[in-house]
Amino acid sequence: LVTAHQADSQDVSRLSRLIDAEVTSFRRQLPGSVRLEQGFAQAENVRHRLDHLTRDFVLALLIVSLTLLPLGLRAAGVVMLAIPVSLLIGISFLSVAGFTLNQLAVAGFVISLGLLVDDAIVVIENIARHIEDGMTPLEASFRGAREIGFTVLSISVSLVAVFIPILLMQGIVGRLFREFAVTLSVAILISMVVSLTTTPMMCAKLLKPAHGARHGRLYRATESLFEGILYLYRTSLQAVLRHQPLTLLVFFATMALTVYLYVI
C-alpha cells in the first residue's frame, strides 16, 4: 500500500486502482478462515465531488455569461476572454507552487468566477464611456485604463486581504484551506493584471463607436429589455435619493435586526 501511494499520490483514480490491486493480492495470501472486506472507499466520494464541482463550474460560467449580455456582445466577449486567461495562469501557478488541482482548488476557481470579471467590467465600462464621448477606441482604452487603474488595484488588494487570515491559520485546518485561499488570491491578482493589460488591448481592437451603427432585430429586442431594466433602476434610485433620511433609517434598522438575530 505504501508503494502504491508513493507511485502516484496525486491521481485519485489511479491510486485507488493500485490500492485495490494490492488489497486483492493481499486477500489471496490470507488463509481460508480469514476474510478481508472493504468498509469504506473515499476515492469514489472524491470522484463524485469533483464531478459536482465541474458541473457547478460550467453552470457558474453560464450564469456569468448571461449577466454580461447587457454590456453588448463585443464587450461581453472581451470580458469573457478574461476568465480563461486568468484560470489558465492560475492553474499554471498551482503547478509551479506544488499544489494539486484538488477539490478545494476547484472550489476556489468556481467561487472566483464572479470575481474574475469584476475588474474587467469596471475597466470596459470606463472605456466604453469615453468611446461614447467621441474618442477613438485606442485613445479611450489608454485613458480609461489609466483612470481606473488605481481603483482596480484597490479592489483587488481588498479582496485578497480577506483571505490573509486563512493563509495564516495553523494546524490541520490551516493546511487544509491554504490551497483554497491561495487559489482565490492568485486568481484575483491575475484578473487585476489581465483587466489592466489584455482587456484594454482587446477593447482598442474590438469595440466600435455606436453612432451610426446598424443593429439587427436581436440587438433591438434585447436593448429594449435592458432599457426597461435601466429605467426601473433609475426610478428606484431617484426614489431613494428623494427620501434619504428614511433610507438611512431602514439601513440602521436592518443592521439592528441583523445583530438581534445573531444574538438570539
C-alpha atoms as a PDB file:
ATOM      1  CA  LEU A   1       0.000   0.000   0.000  1.00  0.00           C
ATOM      2  CA  VAL A   2       2.805   2.401   0.808  1.00  0.00           C
ATOM      3  CA  THR A   3       4.412   1.624  -2.537  1.00  0.00           C
ATOM      4  CA  ALA A   4       1.147   2.306  -4.330  1.00  0.00           C
ATOM      5  CA  HIS A   5       0.789   5.665  -2.575  1.00  0.00           C
ATOM      6  CA  GLN A   6       4.316   6.689  -3.462  1.00  0.00           C
ATOM      7  CA  ALA A   7       3.804   5.628  -7.074  1.00  0.00           C
ATOM      8  CA  ASP A   8       1.176   8.249  -7.770  1.00  0.00           C
ATOM      9  CA  SER A   9      -0.060  10.331  -4.840  1.00  0.00           C
ATOM     10  CA  GLN A  10      -1.771  12.966  -6.997  1.00  0.00           C
ATOM     11  CA  ASP A  11      -4.073  10.822  -9.136  1.00  0.00           C
ATOM     12  CA  VAL A  12      -7.039   9.620  -7.106  1.00  0.00           C
ATOM     13  CA  SER A  13      -8.358   7.208  -9.700  1.00  0.00           C
ATOM     14  CA  ARG A  14      -5.038   5.544 -10.403  1.00  0.00           C
ATOM     15  CA  LEU A  15      -4.156   5.424  -6.729  1.00  0.00           C
ATOM     16  CA  SER A  16      -7.495   3.794  -5.980  1.00  0.00           C
ATOM     17  CA  ARG A  17      -6.882   1.132  -8.614  1.00  0.00           C
ATOM     18  CA  LEU A  18      -3.391   0.457  -7.278  1.00  0.00           C
ATOM     19  CA  ILE A  19      -4.709   0.064  -3.745  1.00  0.00           C
ATOM     20  CA  ASP A  20      -7.486  -2.266  -4.924  1.00  0.00           C
ATOM     21  CA  ALA A  21      -4.904  -4.380  -6.711  1.00  0.00           C
ATOM     22  CA  GLU A  22      -2.741  -4.571  -3.593  1.00  0.00           C
ATOM     23  CA  VAL A  23      -5.736  -5.485  -1.429  1.00  0.00           C
ATOM     24  CA  THR A  24      -6.752  -8.215  -3.889  1.00  0.00           C
ATOM     25  CA  SER A  25      -3.242  -9.611  -3.864  1.00  0.00           C
ATOM     26  CA  PHE A  26      -3.153  -9.496  -0.062  1.00  0.00           C
ATOM     27  CA  ARG A  27      -6.569 -11.205   0.139  1.00  0.00           C
ATOM     28  CA  ARG A  28      -5.248 -14.190  -1.847  1.00  0.00           C
ATOM     29  CA  GLN A  29      -2.489 -14.713   0.711  1.00  0.00           C
ATOM     30  CA  LEU A  30      -4.890 -14.956   3.639  1.00  0.00           C
ATOM     31  CA  PRO A  31      -5.966 -18.351   4.996  1.00  0.00           C
ATOM     32  CA  GLY A  32      -9.460 -19.572   4.221  1.00  0.00           C
ATOM     33  CA  SER A  33     -10.763 -18.783   7.717  1.00  0.00           C
ATOM     34  CA  VAL A  34      -9.911 -15.051   7.377  1.00  0.00           C
ATOM     35  CA  ARG A  35     -11.981 -12.651   5.289  1.00  0.00           C
ATOM     36  CA  LEU A  36     -10.936  -9.132   4.277  1.00  0.00           C
ATOM     37  CA  GLU A  37     -13.833  -6.779   3.462  1.00  0.00           C
ATOM     38  CA  GLN A  38     -13.748  -3.173   2.309  1.00  0.00           C
ATOM     39  CA  GLY A  39     -15.656  -0.974   4.705  1.00  0.00           C
ATOM     40  CA  PHE A  40     -15.237   2.490   3.213  1.00  0.00           C
ATOM     41  CA  ALA A  41     -13.921   3.820  -0.135  1.00  0.00           C
ATOM     42  CA  GLN A  42     -13.093   7.530  -0.115  1.00  0.00           C
ATOM     43  CA  ALA A  43     -11.947   7.565  -3.744  1.00  0.00           C
ATOM     44  CA  GLU A  44     -15.492   7.142  -5.051  1.00  0.00           C
ATOM     45  CA  ASN A  45     -16.713  10.068  -2.938  1.00  0.00           C
ATOM     46  CA  VAL A  46     -13.851  12.216  -4.201  1.00  0.00           C
ATOM     47  CA  ARG A  47     -14.736  11.424  -7.813  1.00  0.00           C
ATOM     48  CA  HIS A  48     -18.390  12.318  -7.187  1.00  0.00           C
ATOM     49  CA  ARG A  49     -17.433  15.611  -5.542  1.00  0.00           C
ATOM     50  CA  LEU A  50     -15.147  16.525  -8.423  1.00  0.00           C
ATOM     51  CA  ASP A  51     -17.936  15.753 -10.881  1.00  0.00           C
ATOM     52  CA  HIS A  52     -20.306  18.019  -8.934  1.00  0.00           C
ATOM     53  CA  LEU A  53     -17.704  20.787  -8.792  1.00  0.00           C
ATOM     54  CA  THR A  54     -17.139  20.523 -12.537  1.00  0.00           C
ATOM     55  CA  ARG A  55     -20.882  20.806 -13.132  1.00  0.00           C
ATOM     56  CA  ASP A  56     -21.075  23.813 -10.787  1.00  0.00           C
ATOM     57  CA  PHE A  57     -18.145  25.396 -12.625  1.00  0.00           C
ATOM     58  CA  VAL A  58     -19.895  25.098 -16.003  1.00  0.00           C
ATOM     59  CA  LEU A  59     -23.160  26.386 -14.516  1.00  0.00           C
ATOM     60  CA  ALA A  60     -21.414  29.367 -12.896  1.00  0.00           C
ATOM     61  CA  LEU A  61     -19.675  30.153 -16.186  1.00  0.00           C
ATOM     62  CA  LEU A  62     -23.037  30.124 -17.981  1.00  0.00           C
ATOM     63  CA  ILE A  63     -24.654  32.407 -15.403  1.00  0.00           C
ATOM     64  CA  VAL A  64     -21.751  34.856 -15.562  1.00  0.00           C
ATOM     65  CA  SER A  65     -22.027  34.886 -19.362  1.00  0.00           C
ATOM     66  CA  LEU A  66     -25.746  35.718 -19.207  1.00  0.00           C
ATOM     67  CA  THR A  67     -25.209  38.566 -16.743  1.00  0.00           C
ATOM     68  CA  LEU A  68     -22.685  40.143 -19.122  1.00  0.00           C
ATOM     69  CA  LEU A  69     -25.109  40.420 -22.052  1.00  0.00           C
ATOM     70  CA  PRO A  70     -26.287  43.952 -21.075  1.00  0.00           C
ATOM     71  CA  LEU A  71     -22.770  45.140 -21.914  1.00  0.00           C
ATOM     72  CA  GLY A  72     -23.272  44.160 -25.550  1.00  0.00           C
ATOM     73  CA  LEU A  73     -21.917  41.174 -27.451  1.00  0.00           C
ATOM     74  CA  ARG A  74     -18.494  42.667 -28.194  1.00  0.00           C
ATOM     75  CA  ALA A  75     -17.974  43.981 -24.683  1.00  0.00           C
ATOM     76  CA  ALA A  76     -19.258  40.738 -23.153  1.00  0.00           C
ATOM     77  CA  GLY A  77     -16.848  38.780 -25.351  1.00  0.00           C
ATOM     78  CA  VAL A  78     -13.937  40.917 -24.160  1.00  0.00           C
ATOM     79  CA  VAL A  79     -14.888  40.352 -20.525  1.00  0.00           C
ATOM     80  CA  MET A  80     -15.422  36.616 -21.019  1.00  0.00           C
ATOM     81  CA  LEU A  81     -11.942  36.227 -22.506  1.00  0.00           C
ATOM     82  CA  ALA A  82     -10.517  37.379 -19.181  1.00  0.00           C
ATOM     83  CA  ILE A  83     -11.887  34.235 -17.496  1.00  0.00           C
ATOM     84  CA  PRO A  84      -9.961  31.510 -19.386  1.00  0.00           C
ATOM     85  CA  VAL A  85      -6.773  33.591 -19.398  1.00  0.00           C
ATOM     86  CA  SER A  86      -6.917  34.088 -15.635  1.00  0.00           C
ATOM     87  CA  LEU A  87      -7.831  30.453 -14.970  1.00  0.00           C
ATOM     88  CA  LEU A  88      -5.054  29.048 -17.162  1.00  0.00           C
ATOM     89  CA  ILE A  89      -2.438  31.232 -15.488  1.00  0.00           C
ATOM     90  CA  GLY A  90      -3.869  30.326 -12.072  1.00  0.00           C
ATOM     91  CA  ILE A  91      -3.662  26.591 -12.801  1.00  0.00           C
ATOM     92  CA  SER A  92      -0.086  27.048 -14.026  1.00  0.00           C
ATOM     93  CA  PHE A  93       0.756  28.768 -10.747  1.00  0.00           C
ATOM     94  CA  LEU A  94      -0.683  25.828  -8.801  1.00  0.00           C
ATOM     95  CA  SER A  95       1.638  23.505 -10.687  1.00  0.00           C
ATOM     96  CA  VAL A  96       4.661  25.719 -10.037  1.00  0.00           C
ATOM     97  CA  ALA A  97       3.772  26.075  -6.330  1.00  0.00           C
ATOM     98  CA  GLY A  98       3.493  22.304  -5.949  1.00  0.00           C
ATOM     99  CA  PHE A  99      -0.273  22.286  -5.334  1.00  0.00           C
ATOM    100  CA  THR A 100      -2.686  19.858  -6.963  1.00  0.00           C
ATOM    101  CA  LEU A 101      -5.978  20.547  -8.724  1.00  0.00           C
ATOM    102  CA  ASN A 102      -7.978  19.038  -5.862  1.00  0.00           C
ATOM    103  CA  GLN A 103     -11.477  19.687  -4.545  1.00  0.00           C
ATOM    104  CA  LEU A 104     -10.585  22.863  -2.654  1.00  0.00           C
ATOM    105  CA  ALA A 105      -8.652  24.293  -5.594  1.00  0.00           C
ATOM    106  CA  VAL A 106     -11.548  23.623  -7.981  1.00  0.00           C
ATOM    107  CA  ALA A 107     -13.981  25.119  -5.443  1.00  0.00           C
ATOM    108  CA  GLY A 108     -11.760  28.204  -5.282  1.00  0.00           C
ATOM    109  CA  PHE A 109     -11.893  28.595  -9.049  1.00  0.00           C
ATOM    110  CA  VAL A 110     -15.692  28.186  -9.029  1.00  0.00           C
ATOM    111  CA  ILE A 111     -16.067  30.921  -6.413  1.00  0.00           C
ATOM    112  CA  SER A 112     -13.574  33.181  -8.195  1.00  0.00           C
ATOM    113  CA  LEU A 113     -15.551  33.213 -11.471  1.00  0.00           C
ATOM    114  CA  GLY A 114     -17.648  36.161 -10.398  1.00  0.00           C
ATOM    115  CA  LEU A 115     -14.617  37.976  -9.024  1.00  0.00           C
ATOM    116  CA  LEU A 116     -12.629  37.445 -12.227  1.00  0.00           C
ATOM    117  CA  VAL A 117     -14.987  39.545 -14.331  1.00  0.00           C
ATOM    118  CA  ASP A 118     -15.423  42.398 -11.830  1.00  0.00           C
ATOM    119  CA  ASP A 119     -12.182  44.167 -12.724  1.00  0.00           C
ATOM    120  CA  ALA A 120     -12.697  43.702 -16.454  1.00  0.00           C
ATOM    121  CA  ILE A 121     -16.240  45.092 -16.239  1.00  0.00           C
ATOM    122  CA  VAL A 122     -15.060  48.193 -14.381  1.00  0.00           C
ATOM    123  CA  VAL A 123     -12.337  48.829 -16.974  1.00  0.00           C
ATOM    124  CA  ILE A 124     -14.501  48.180 -20.029  1.00  0.00           C
ATOM    125  CA  GLU A 125     -17.344  50.394 -18.793  1.00  0.00           C
ATOM    126  CA  ASN A 126     -14.950  53.302 -18.347  1.00  0.00           C
ATOM    127  CA  ILE A 127     -13.502  52.714 -21.811  1.00  0.00           C
ATOM    128  CA  ALA A 128     -16.985  52.492 -23.352  1.00  0.00           C
ATOM    129  CA  ARG A 129     -17.890  55.809 -21.697  1.00  0.00           C
ATOM    130  CA  HIS A 130     -15.008  57.566 -23.425  1.00  0.00           C
ATOM    131  CA  ILE A 131     -15.886  55.966 -26.763  1.00  0.00           C
ATOM    132  CA  GLU A 132     -19.451  57.279 -26.423  1.00  0.00           C
ATOM    133  CA  ASP A 133     -17.980  60.755 -25.784  1.00  0.00           C
ATOM    134  CA  GLY A 134     -16.295  60.656 -29.204  1.00  0.00           C
ATOM    135  CA  MET A 135     -12.832  59.228 -28.556  1.00  0.00           C
ATOM    136  CA  THR A 136     -11.331  56.581 -30.792  1.00  0.00           C
ATOM    137  CA  PRO A 137     -11.208  53.077 -29.272  1.00  0.00           C
ATOM    138  CA  LEU A 138      -7.417  53.256 -28.940  1.00  0.00           C
ATOM    139  CA  GLU A 139      -7.439  56.617 -27.143  1.00  0.00           C
ATOM    140  CA  ALA A 140     -10.343  55.546 -24.955  1.00  0.00           C
ATOM    141  CA  SER A 141      -8.529  52.331 -23.991  1.00  0.00           C
ATOM    142  CA  PHE A 142      -5.391  54.164 -22.890  1.00  0.00           C
ATOM    143  CA  ARG A 143      -7.267  56.847 -20.993  1.00  0.00           C
ATOM    144  CA  GLY A 144      -9.878  54.530 -19.491  1.00  0.00           C
ATOM    145  CA  ALA A 145      -7.289  52.054 -18.190  1.00  0.00           C
ATOM    146  CA  ARG A 146      -5.138  54.857 -16.773  1.00  0.00           C
ATOM    147  CA  GLU A 147      -8.072  56.485 -14.966  1.00  0.00           C
ATOM    148  CA  ILE A 148      -9.409  53.285 -13.425  1.00  0.00           C
ATOM    149  CA  GLY A 149      -6.084  51.569 -12.685  1.00  0.00           C
ATOM    150  CA  PHE A 150      -5.836  52.610  -9.031  1.00  0.00           C
ATOM    151  CA  THR A 151      -9.474  51.655  -8.408  1.00  0.00           C
ATOM    152  CA  VAL A 152      -8.934  48.165  -9.818  1.00  0.00           C
ATOM    153  CA  LEU A 153      -5.760  47.812  -7.741  1.00  0.00           C
ATOM    154  CA  SER A 154      -7.609  48.849  -4.570  1.00  0.00           C
ATOM    155  CA  ILE A 155     -10.468  46.423  -5.227  1.00  0.00           C
ATOM    156  CA  SER A 156      -8.098  43.512  -5.848  1.00  0.00           C
ATOM    157  CA  VAL A 157      -5.947  44.209  -2.794  1.00  0.00           C
ATOM    158  CA  SER A 158      -9.063  44.476  -0.623  1.00  0.00           C
ATOM    159  CA  LEU A 159     -10.350  41.133  -1.873  1.00  0.00           C
ATOM    160  CA  VAL A 160      -7.006  39.421  -1.304  1.00  0.00           C
ATOM    161  CA  ALA A 161      -6.798  40.887   2.218  1.00  0.00           C
ATOM    162  CA  VAL A 162      -9.957  38.951   3.117  1.00  0.00           C
ATOM    163  CA  PHE A 163      -8.087  35.666   2.705  1.00  0.00           C
ATOM    164  CA  ILE A 164      -4.983  36.636   4.699  1.00  0.00           C
ATOM    165  CA  PRO A 165      -6.400  35.200   7.979  1.00  0.00           C
ATOM    166  CA  ILE A 166      -6.949  31.873   6.220  1.00  0.00           C
ATOM    167  CA  LEU A 167      -3.379  31.895   4.923  1.00  0.00           C
ATOM    168  CA  LEU A 168      -2.093  32.493   8.464  1.00  0.00           C
ATOM    169  CA  MET A 169      -4.150  29.725  10.092  1.00  0.00           C
ATOM    170  CA  GLN A 170      -2.153  26.983  11.781  1.00  0.00           C
ATOM    171  CA  GLY A 171      -2.769  23.292  12.290  1.00  0.00           C
ATOM    172  CA  ILE A 172      -4.707  20.874  10.143  1.00  0.00           C
ATOM    173  CA  VAL A 173      -7.437  23.401   9.291  1.00  0.00           C
ATOM    174  CA  GLY A 174      -4.840  25.890   8.073  1.00  0.00           C
ATOM    175  CA  ARG A 175      -3.116  23.321   5.890  1.00  0.00           C
ATOM    176  CA  LEU A 176      -6.460  22.156   4.547  1.00  0.00           C
ATOM    177  CA  PHE A 177      -7.739  25.568   3.474  1.00  0.00           C
ATOM    178  CA  ARG A 178      -4.419  27.118   2.451  1.00  0.00           C
ATOM    179  CA  GLU A 179      -4.736  25.928  -1.144  1.00  0.00           C
ATOM    180  CA  PHE A 180      -8.277  27.320  -1.270  1.00  0.00           C
ATOM    181  CA  ALA A 181      -7.124  30.760  -0.124  1.00  0.00           C
ATOM    182  CA  VAL A 182      -4.074  30.729  -2.387  1.00  0.00           C
ATOM    183  CA  THR A 183      -6.192  29.746  -5.396  1.00  0.00           C
ATOM    184  CA  LEU A 184      -8.644  32.595  -4.848  1.00  0.00           C
ATOM    185  CA  SER A 185      -5.920  35.151  -4.125  1.00  0.00           C
ATOM    186  CA  VAL A 186      -3.882  34.217  -7.191  1.00  0.00           C
ATOM    187  CA  ALA A 187      -6.966  34.249  -9.431  1.00  0.00           C
ATOM    188  CA  ILE A 188      -7.913  37.735  -8.191  1.00  0.00           C
ATOM    189  CA  LEU A 189      -4.404  39.133  -8.693  1.00  0.00           C
ATOM    190  CA  ILE A 190      -4.127  37.645 -12.159  1.00  0.00           C
ATOM    191  CA  SER A 191      -7.550  39.067 -13.005  1.00  0.00           C
ATOM    192  CA  MET A 192      -6.284  42.506 -11.981  1.00  0.00           C
ATOM    193  CA  VAL A 193      -3.279  42.224 -14.304  1.00  0.00           C
ATOM    194  CA  VAL A 194      -5.401  40.917 -17.188  1.00  0.00           C
ATOM    195  CA  SER A 195      -8.006  43.664 -16.776  1.00  0.00           C
ATOM    196  CA  LEU A 196      -5.329  46.373 -16.970  1.00  0.00           C
ATOM    197  CA  THR A 197      -3.421  44.861 -19.909  1.00  0.00           C
ATOM    198  CA  THR A 198      -5.328  42.368 -22.058  1.00  0.00           C
ATOM    199  CA  THR A 199      -8.777  43.930 -21.632  1.00  0.00           C
ATOM    200  CA  PRO A 200      -7.793  47.468 -22.813  1.00  0.00           C
ATOM    201  CA  MET A 201      -5.875  45.944 -25.724  1.00  0.00           C
ATOM    202  CA  MET A 202      -8.922  43.956 -26.873  1.00  0.00           C
ATOM    203  CA  CYS A 203     -11.179  46.984 -26.352  1.00  0.00           C
ATOM    204  CA  ALA A 204      -8.962  49.010 -28.682  1.00  0.00           C
ATOM    205  CA  LYS A 205      -9.362  46.348 -31.382  1.00  0.00           C
ATOM    206  CA  LEU A 206     -12.920  45.096 -30.905  1.00  0.00           C
ATOM    207  CA  LEU A 207     -15.052  47.938 -29.564  1.00  0.00           C
ATOM    208  CA  LYS A 208     -16.598  50.267 -32.115  1.00  0.00           C
ATOM    209  CA  PRO A 209     -18.418  53.594 -31.734  1.00  0.00           C
ATOM    210  CA  ALA A 210     -22.176  53.080 -31.540  1.00  0.00           C
ATOM    211  CA  HIS A 211     -23.000  56.234 -33.512  1.00  0.00           C
ATOM    212  CA  GLY A 212     -24.369  55.416 -36.946  1.00  0.00           C
ATOM    213  CA  ALA A 213     -24.104  51.642 -36.476  1.00  0.00           C
ATOM    214  CA  ARG A 214     -26.872  49.433 -37.826  1.00  0.00           C
ATOM    215  CA  HIS A 215     -28.266  46.794 -35.461  1.00  0.00           C
ATOM    216  CA  GLY A 216     -30.327  43.672 -36.077  1.00  0.00           C
ATOM    217  CA  ARG A 217     -33.603  42.547 -34.557  1.00  0.00           C
ATOM    218  CA  LEU A 218     -31.931  40.628 -31.726  1.00  0.00           C
ATOM    219  CA  TYR A 219     -29.996  43.724 -30.648  1.00  0.00           C
ATOM    220  CA  ARG A 220     -33.106  45.911 -30.748  1.00  0.00           C
ATOM    221  CA  ALA A 221     -35.141  43.366 -28.762  1.00  0.00           C
ATOM    222  CA  THR A 222     -32.527  42.928 -26.060  1.00  0.00           C
ATOM    223  CA  GLU A 223     -31.767  46.641 -25.986  1.00  0.00           C
ATOM    224  CA  SER A 224     -35.414  47.438 -25.213  1.00  0.00           C
ATOM    225  CA  LEU A 225     -35.299  44.913 -22.364  1.00  0.00           C
ATOM    226  CA  PHE A 226     -32.128  46.451 -20.954  1.00  0.00           C
ATOM    227  CA  GLU A 227     -33.592  49.931 -21.286  1.00  0.00           C
ATOM    228  CA  GLY A 228     -36.590  48.797 -19.234  1.00  0.00           C
ATOM    229  CA  ILE A 229     -34.313  47.404 -16.522  1.00  0.00           C
ATOM    230  CA  LEU A 230     -32.294  50.628 -16.561  1.00  0.00           C
ATOM    231  CA  TYR A 231     -35.472  52.696 -16.253  1.00  0.00           C
ATOM    232  CA  LEU A 232     -36.627  50.623 -13.270  1.00  0.00           C
ATOM    233  CA  TYR A 233     -33.245  51.045 -11.604  1.00  0.00           C
ATOM    234  CA  ARG A 234     -33.169  54.783 -12.306  1.00  0.00           C
ATOM    235  CA  THR A 235     -36.675  55.242 -10.896  1.00  0.00           C
ATOM    236  CA  SER A 236     -35.917  53.299  -7.711  1.00  0.00           C
ATOM    237  CA  LEU A 237     -32.622  55.156  -7.241  1.00  0.00           C
ATOM    238  CA  GLN A 238     -34.315  58.540  -7.598  1.00  0.00           C
ATOM    239  CA  ALA A 239     -36.932  57.496  -5.040  1.00  0.00           C
ATOM    240  CA  VAL A 240     -34.206  56.516  -2.592  1.00  0.00           C
ATOM    241  CA  LEU A 241     -32.337  59.796  -3.107  1.00  0.00           C
ATOM    242  CA  ARG A 242     -35.527  61.774  -2.510  1.00  0.00           C
ATOM    243  CA  HIS A 243     -36.050  60.041   0.842  1.00  0.00           C
ATOM    244  CA  GLN A 244     -32.532  59.865   2.261  1.00  0.00           C
ATOM    245  CA  PRO A 245     -33.491  60.045   5.973  1.00  0.00           C
ATOM    246  CA  LEU A 246     -35.945  57.171   5.517  1.00  0.00           C
ATOM    247  CA  THR A 247     -33.288  55.180   3.641  1.00  0.00           C
ATOM    248  CA  LEU A 248     -30.804  55.660   6.489  1.00  0.00           C
ATOM    249  CA  LEU A 249     -33.468  54.665   8.996  1.00  0.00           C
ATOM    250  CA  VAL A 250     -34.159  51.445   7.079  1.00  0.00           C
ATOM    251  CA  PHE A 251     -30.423  50.753   6.875  1.00  0.00           C
ATOM    252  CA  PHE A 252     -29.844  51.117  10.625  1.00  0.00           C
ATOM    253  CA  ALA A 253     -32.994  49.124  11.376  1.00  0.00           C
ATOM    254  CA  THR A 254     -31.705  46.329   9.147  1.00  0.00           C
ATOM    255  CA  MET A 255     -28.335  46.371  10.917  1.00  0.00           C
ATOM    256  CA  ALA A 256     -30.014  46.264  14.332  1.00  0.00           C
ATOM    257  CA  LEU A 257     -32.257  43.389  13.242  1.00  0.00           C
ATOM    258  CA  THR A 258     -29.188  41.501  11.961  1.00  0.00           C
ATOM    259  CA  VAL A 259     -27.409  41.927  15.297  1.00  0.00           C
ATOM    260  CA  TYR A 260     -30.541  40.861  17.166  1.00  0.00           C
ATOM    261  CA  LEU A 261     -30.969  37.712  15.049  1.00  0.00           C
ATOM    262  CA  TYR A 262     -27.299  36.887  15.553  1.00  0.00           C
ATOM    263  CA  VAL A 263     -27.526  37.273  19.338  1.00  0.00           C
ATOM    264  CA  ILE A 264     -30.630  35.162  19.767  1.00  0.00           C
END
